[in-house]
C-alpha cells in the first residue's frame, strides 16, 4: 500500500512556511519542513534522504501531524528527576544570591548547611538560570597601577 500525501489548508501551509523561515527552534523548523514536503506530495523516501533522517521518522511525523496538527511540531515535556528544592527553598536561595555575590559552590555549601540537601553546583546553577539569574565572571585588569 502506498502512503498518501498530506492535504494542507492554505492557512496551515502559510503557518508552516513561517515556522520554517523564522522559527527559533530548529526541531520545529525541521518538522514543519517535513510536513510541507509531504503536503507537496513528495515521496517519504526522498524527504528522508534530503533531511538525512530515517524513513520511519518521516512516517512518524506524518502520523503525528494527522493526529495533532500544529501541536505536533513542538517538543513534548520530557521526564526527569523531581526538583530537590521546594519552591520556598528556591526563593531562599534566590534571596541569598541577590543579597551577596557568591559562587555556586558557596551557595551549595549554604544549602547543605541550612536545608541538609546535597546538590551538585551545576544543579544549583541550572536552577538559578531558570530563575533568570546570570552568572558572570569578574575580570582582573592586567594594567599596572600608577605609583603616585
Foldseek 3Di string as FASTA:
>chain_A
DADAADADDPVLLVVLVCCLVDNPDPQLNLLSVLNNCSNVVDGLVVSCVVVVHDSVVSVVSVVLCVVPNSVSSDDDDDDDDDDPDDPVRLVVLVVVCVVDPDQLVVSQVVCCVPPVDHDDSVSNVVSVVVVVDDDDDDDDDPDDDDDD
